Amino acid sequence: MPRRYGPDGTALWNGKAPEDFSEADVYRFMAETEEVLQKRELLGGESDARSIAQRLAEGRTQAARDNAARPAKAAVKESRHDR
């Protein structure tokens, strides 16, 4: 795992200081930063993250109820032509 901080305490990204970045490193850093910012924007902060998790759990519970209420498919014998 790359180091997070240099010997002088400066923050590193993938083991590199900003002045050591290649052009590809800059683009990867920008993409990763954009992804983090988009997630924060979608979640709207910690309180919204909890409510989103709660809504997801409620959705899973409802889906399980719906699946349990649905009749199961009849078992069909497989023939050689089905393979």
N, C-alpha and C. Protein backbone atom coordinates (compact mmCIF):
# COMPACT_ATOMS: atom_id res chain seq x y z
N MET A 1 0.84 -1.17 0.00
CA MET A 1 0.00 0.00 0.00
C MET A 1 0.90 1.24 0.00
N PRO A 2 0.59 2.22 -0.86
CA PRO A 2 1.42 3.42 -0.92
C PRO A 2 1.36 4.22 0.38
N ARG A 3 2.42 4.95 0.62
CA ARG A 3 2.45 5.81 1.81
C ARG A 3 1.46 6.95 1.65
N ARG A 4 0.87 7.38 2.76
CA ARG A 4 -0.09 8.48 2.74
C ARG A 4 0.58 9.82 3.03
N TYR A 5 1.69 9.78 3.76
CA TYR A 5 2.38 11.02 4.14
C TYR A 5 3.87 10.85 3.91
N GLY A 6 4.49 11.92 3.45
CA GLY A 6 5.93 11.91 3.25
C GLY A 6 6.65 12.09 4.57
N PRO A 7 7.99 11.99 4.55
CA PRO A 7 8.77 12.13 5.79
C PRO A 7 8.59 13.49 6.46
N ASP A 8 8.26 14.51 5.65
CA ASP A 8 8.06 15.84 6.22
C ASP A 8 6.62 16.11 6.62
N GLY A 9 5.73 15.10 6.46
CA GLY A 9 4.34 15.23 6.88
C GLY A 9 3.39 15.70 5.79
N THR A 10 3.90 15.91 4.58
CA THR A 10 3.02 16.33 3.49
C THR A 10 2.19 15.14 3.01
N ALA A 11 0.98 15.44 2.57
CA ALA A 11 0.08 14.38 2.10
C ALA A 11 0.57 13.85 0.76
N LEU A 12 0.48 12.53 0.58
CA LEU A 12 0.86 11.88 -0.67
C LEU A 12 -0.37 11.22 -1.27
N TRP A 13 -0.38 11.07 -2.56
CA TRP A 13 -1.45 10.35 -3.26
C TRP A 13 -0.78 9.24 -4.05
N ASN A 14 -1.17 7.99 -3.78
CA ASN A 14 -0.53 6.82 -4.39
C ASN A 14 0.98 6.87 -4.23
N GLY A 15 1.42 7.34 -3.09
CA GLY A 15 2.85 7.37 -2.78
C GLY A 15 3.61 8.51 -3.43
N LYS A 16 2.93 9.46 -4.07
CA LYS A 16 3.60 10.56 -4.76
C LYS A 16 3.15 11.90 -4.20
N ALA A 17 4.09 12.83 -4.15
CA ALA A 17 3.76 14.20 -3.80
C ALA A 17 3.21 14.88 -5.05
N PRO A 18 2.40 15.92 -4.90
CA PRO A 18 1.81 16.59 -6.07
C PRO A 18 2.84 17.03 -7.10
N GLU A 19 4.00 17.48 -6.66
CA GLU A 19 5.02 17.93 -7.62
C GLU A 19 5.64 16.79 -8.43
N ASP A 20 5.42 15.55 -7.98
CA ASP A 20 5.94 14.38 -8.70
C ASP A 20 4.91 13.75 -9.63
N PHE A 21 3.71 14.32 -9.71
CA PHE A 21 2.65 13.75 -10.54
C PHE A 21 3.00 13.85 -12.02
N SER A 22 2.68 12.78 -12.74
CA SER A 22 2.73 12.83 -14.20
C SER A 22 1.36 13.32 -14.67
N GLU A 23 1.21 13.54 -15.95
CA GLU A 23 -0.09 13.98 -16.47
C GLU A 23 -1.16 12.94 -16.19
N ALA A 24 -0.82 11.65 -16.33
CA ALA A 24 -1.77 10.57 -16.05
C ALA A 24 -2.17 10.56 -14.58
N ASP A 25 -1.22 10.83 -13.68
CA ASP A 25 -1.52 10.90 -12.25
C ASP A 25 -2.52 12.02 -11.96
N VAL A 26 -2.34 13.16 -12.62
CA VAL A 26 -3.24 14.29 -12.42
C VAL A 26 -4.65 13.91 -12.83
N TYR A 27 -4.80 13.26 -13.98
CA TYR A 27 -6.13 12.86 -14.43
C TYR A 27 -6.76 11.82 -13.51
N ARG A 28 -5.97 10.87 -13.02
CA ARG A 28 -6.50 9.87 -12.09
C ARG A 28 -6.92 10.53 -10.78
N PHE A 29 -6.09 11.46 -10.30
CA PHE A 29 -6.42 12.18 -9.07
C PHE A 29 -7.71 12.97 -9.24
N MET A 30 -7.84 13.67 -10.38
CA MET A 30 -9.05 14.46 -10.64
C MET A 30 -10.28 13.56 -10.72
N ALA A 31 -10.16 12.42 -11.38
CA ALA A 31 -11.29 11.50 -11.50
C ALA A 31 -11.70 10.96 -10.13
N GLU A 32 -10.71 10.59 -9.32
CA GLU A 32 -11.00 10.06 -7.98
C GLU A 32 -11.66 11.14 -7.12
N THR A 33 -11.15 12.37 -7.19
CA THR A 33 -11.71 13.47 -6.42
C THR A 33 -13.15 13.75 -6.86
N GLU A 34 -13.39 13.75 -8.16
CA GLU A 34 -14.75 13.98 -8.68
C GLU A 34 -15.71 12.90 -8.18
N GLU A 35 -15.25 11.66 -8.16
CA GLU A 35 -16.09 10.56 -7.68
C GLU A 35 -16.46 10.75 -6.22
N VAL A 36 -15.50 11.15 -5.40
CA VAL A 36 -15.75 11.38 -3.98
C VAL A 36 -16.74 12.53 -3.80
N LEU A 37 -16.55 13.60 -4.56
CA LEU A 37 -17.45 14.75 -4.44
C LEU A 37 -18.87 14.40 -4.90
N GLN A 38 -18.99 13.61 -5.95
CA GLN A 38 -20.32 13.21 -6.42
C GLN A 38 -21.02 12.35 -5.39
N LYS A 39 -20.28 11.44 -4.75
CA LYS A 39 -20.89 10.60 -3.71
C LYS A 39 -21.38 11.46 -2.55
N ARG A 40 -20.57 12.43 -2.16
CA ARG A 40 -20.99 13.32 -1.06
C ARG A 40 -22.23 14.10 -1.45
N GLU A 41 -22.25 14.57 -2.70
CA GLU A 41 -23.40 15.34 -3.16
C GLU A 41 -24.65 14.48 -3.20
N LEU A 42 -24.50 13.24 -3.67
CA LEU A 42 -25.65 12.33 -3.72
C LEU A 42 -26.15 11.98 -2.33
N LEU A 43 -25.21 11.78 -1.42
CA LEU A 43 -25.61 11.40 -0.07
C LEU A 43 -26.06 12.61 0.75
N GLY A 44 -25.60 13.79 0.41
CA GLY A 44 -26.03 15.00 1.09
C GLY A 44 -25.52 15.12 2.50
N GLY A 45 -24.50 14.42 2.85
CA GLY A 45 -23.95 14.50 4.21
C GLY A 45 -24.28 13.26 5.00
N GLU A 46 -23.84 13.24 6.26
CA GLU A 46 -24.01 12.05 7.10
C GLU A 46 -25.46 11.75 7.43
N SER A 47 -26.24 12.77 7.77
CA SER A 47 -27.63 12.51 8.16
C SER A 47 -28.41 11.92 7.00
N ASP A 48 -28.19 12.45 5.79
CA ASP A 48 -28.86 11.89 4.63
C ASP A 48 -28.35 10.48 4.31
N ALA A 49 -27.08 10.23 4.58
CA ALA A 49 -26.53 8.90 4.33
C ALA A 49 -27.25 7.86 5.20
N ARG A 50 -27.54 8.23 6.43
CA ARG A 50 -28.28 7.32 7.31
C ARG A 50 -29.69 7.08 6.77
N SER A 51 -30.35 8.15 6.35
CA SER A 51 -31.72 7.98 5.85
C SER A 51 -31.73 7.18 4.55
N ILE A 52 -30.70 7.35 3.72
CA ILE A 52 -30.61 6.56 2.49
C ILE A 52 -30.42 5.09 2.84
N ALA A 53 -29.55 4.80 3.80
CA ALA A 53 -29.34 3.42 4.23
C ALA A 53 -30.63 2.83 4.77
N GLN A 54 -31.37 3.63 5.51
CA GLN A 54 -32.65 3.17 6.07
C GLN A 54 -33.64 2.88 4.94
N ARG A 55 -33.71 3.77 3.95
CA ARG A 55 -34.63 3.55 2.82
C ARG A 55 -34.22 2.31 2.02
N LEU A 56 -32.92 2.09 1.86
CA LEU A 56 -32.47 0.89 1.15
C LEU A 56 -32.87 -0.37 1.92
N ALA A 57 -32.73 -0.34 3.23
CA ALA A 57 -33.12 -1.49 4.05
C ALA A 57 -34.62 -1.74 3.94
N GLU A 58 -35.40 -0.67 3.97
CA GLU A 58 -36.85 -0.82 3.83
C GLU A 58 -37.21 -1.38 2.45
N GLY A 59 -36.50 -0.94 1.43
CA GLY A 59 -36.72 -1.46 0.08
C GLY A 59 -36.41 -2.93 -0.01
N ARG A 60 -35.30 -3.37 0.63
CA ARG A 60 -34.95 -4.79 0.62
C ARG A 60 -36.01 -5.61 1.34
N THR A 61 -36.52 -5.08 2.45
CA THR A 61 -37.57 -5.77 3.20
C THR A 61 -38.83 -5.91 2.35
N GLN A 62 -39.22 -4.83 1.68
CA GLN A 62 -40.40 -4.87 0.82
C GLN A 62 -40.21 -5.84 -0.34
N ALA A 63 -39.03 -5.85 -0.93
CA ALA A 63 -38.75 -6.77 -2.04
C ALA A 63 -38.83 -8.22 -1.57
N ALA A 64 -38.34 -8.49 -0.36
CA ALA A 64 -38.41 -9.85 0.18
C ALA A 64 -39.87 -10.25 0.39
N ARG A 65 -40.69 -9.31 0.88
CA ARG A 65 -42.12 -9.61 1.05
C ARG A 65 -42.78 -9.89 -0.29
N ASP A 66 -42.48 -9.06 -1.29
CA ASP A 66 -43.06 -9.25 -2.63
C ASP A 66 -42.63 -10.59 -3.23
N ASN A 67 -41.37 -10.94 -3.05
CA ASN A 67 -40.88 -12.22 -3.59
C ASN A 67 -41.52 -13.40 -2.88
N ALA A 68 -41.76 -13.27 -1.59
CA ALA A 68 -42.38 -14.36 -0.84
C ALA A 68 -43.84 -14.54 -1.27
N ALA A 69 -44.50 -13.47 -1.64
CA ALA A 69 -45.91 -13.54 -2.04
C ALA A 69 -46.08 -14.09 -3.46
N ARG A 70 -45.03 -14.02 -4.26
CA ARG A 70 -45.09 -14.47 -5.64
C ARG A 70 -45.02 -16.00 -5.69
N PRO A 71 -45.87 -16.66 -6.49
CA PRO A 71 -45.80 -18.12 -6.56
C PRO A 71 -44.50 -18.58 -7.23
N ALA A 72 -44.02 -19.72 -6.76
CA ALA A 72 -42.77 -20.28 -7.30
C ALA A 72 -43.04 -20.89 -8.66
N LYS A 73 -42.02 -20.89 -9.52
CA LYS A 73 -42.16 -21.51 -10.84
C LYS A 73 -42.23 -23.02 -10.67
N ALA A 74 -43.00 -23.63 -11.54
CA ALA A 74 -43.10 -25.09 -11.52
C ALA A 74 -41.79 -25.68 -12.02
N ALA A 75 -41.39 -26.76 -11.40
CA ALA A 75 -40.15 -27.43 -11.81
C ALA A 75 -40.37 -28.06 -13.18
N VAL A 76 -39.43 -27.83 -14.07
CA VAL A 76 -39.52 -28.37 -15.43
C VAL A 76 -38.36 -29.34 -15.62
N LYS A 77 -38.69 -30.51 -16.11
CA LYS A 77 -37.65 -31.50 -16.34
C LYS A 77 -36.83 -31.07 -17.55
N GLU A 78 -35.54 -31.11 -17.41
CA GLU A 78 -34.64 -30.70 -18.48
C GLU A 78 -34.46 -31.84 -19.46
N SER A 79 -34.57 -31.55 -20.72
CA SER A 79 -34.34 -32.59 -21.72
C SER A 79 -32.96 -32.38 -22.32
N ARG A 80 -32.53 -33.30 -23.11
CA ARG A 80 -31.21 -33.20 -23.72
C ARG A 80 -31.14 -32.02 -24.71
N HIS A 81 -32.27 -31.65 -25.27
CA HIS A 81 -32.28 -30.55 -26.24
C HIS A 81 -32.16 -29.19 -25.57
N ASP A 82 -32.37 -29.11 -24.25
CA ASP A 82 -32.27 -27.85 -23.52
C ASP A 82 -30.82 -27.48 -23.21
N ARG A 83 -29.93 -28.42 -23.35
CA ARG A 83 -28.55 -28.16 -22.96
C ARG A 83 -27.79 -27.41 -23.98
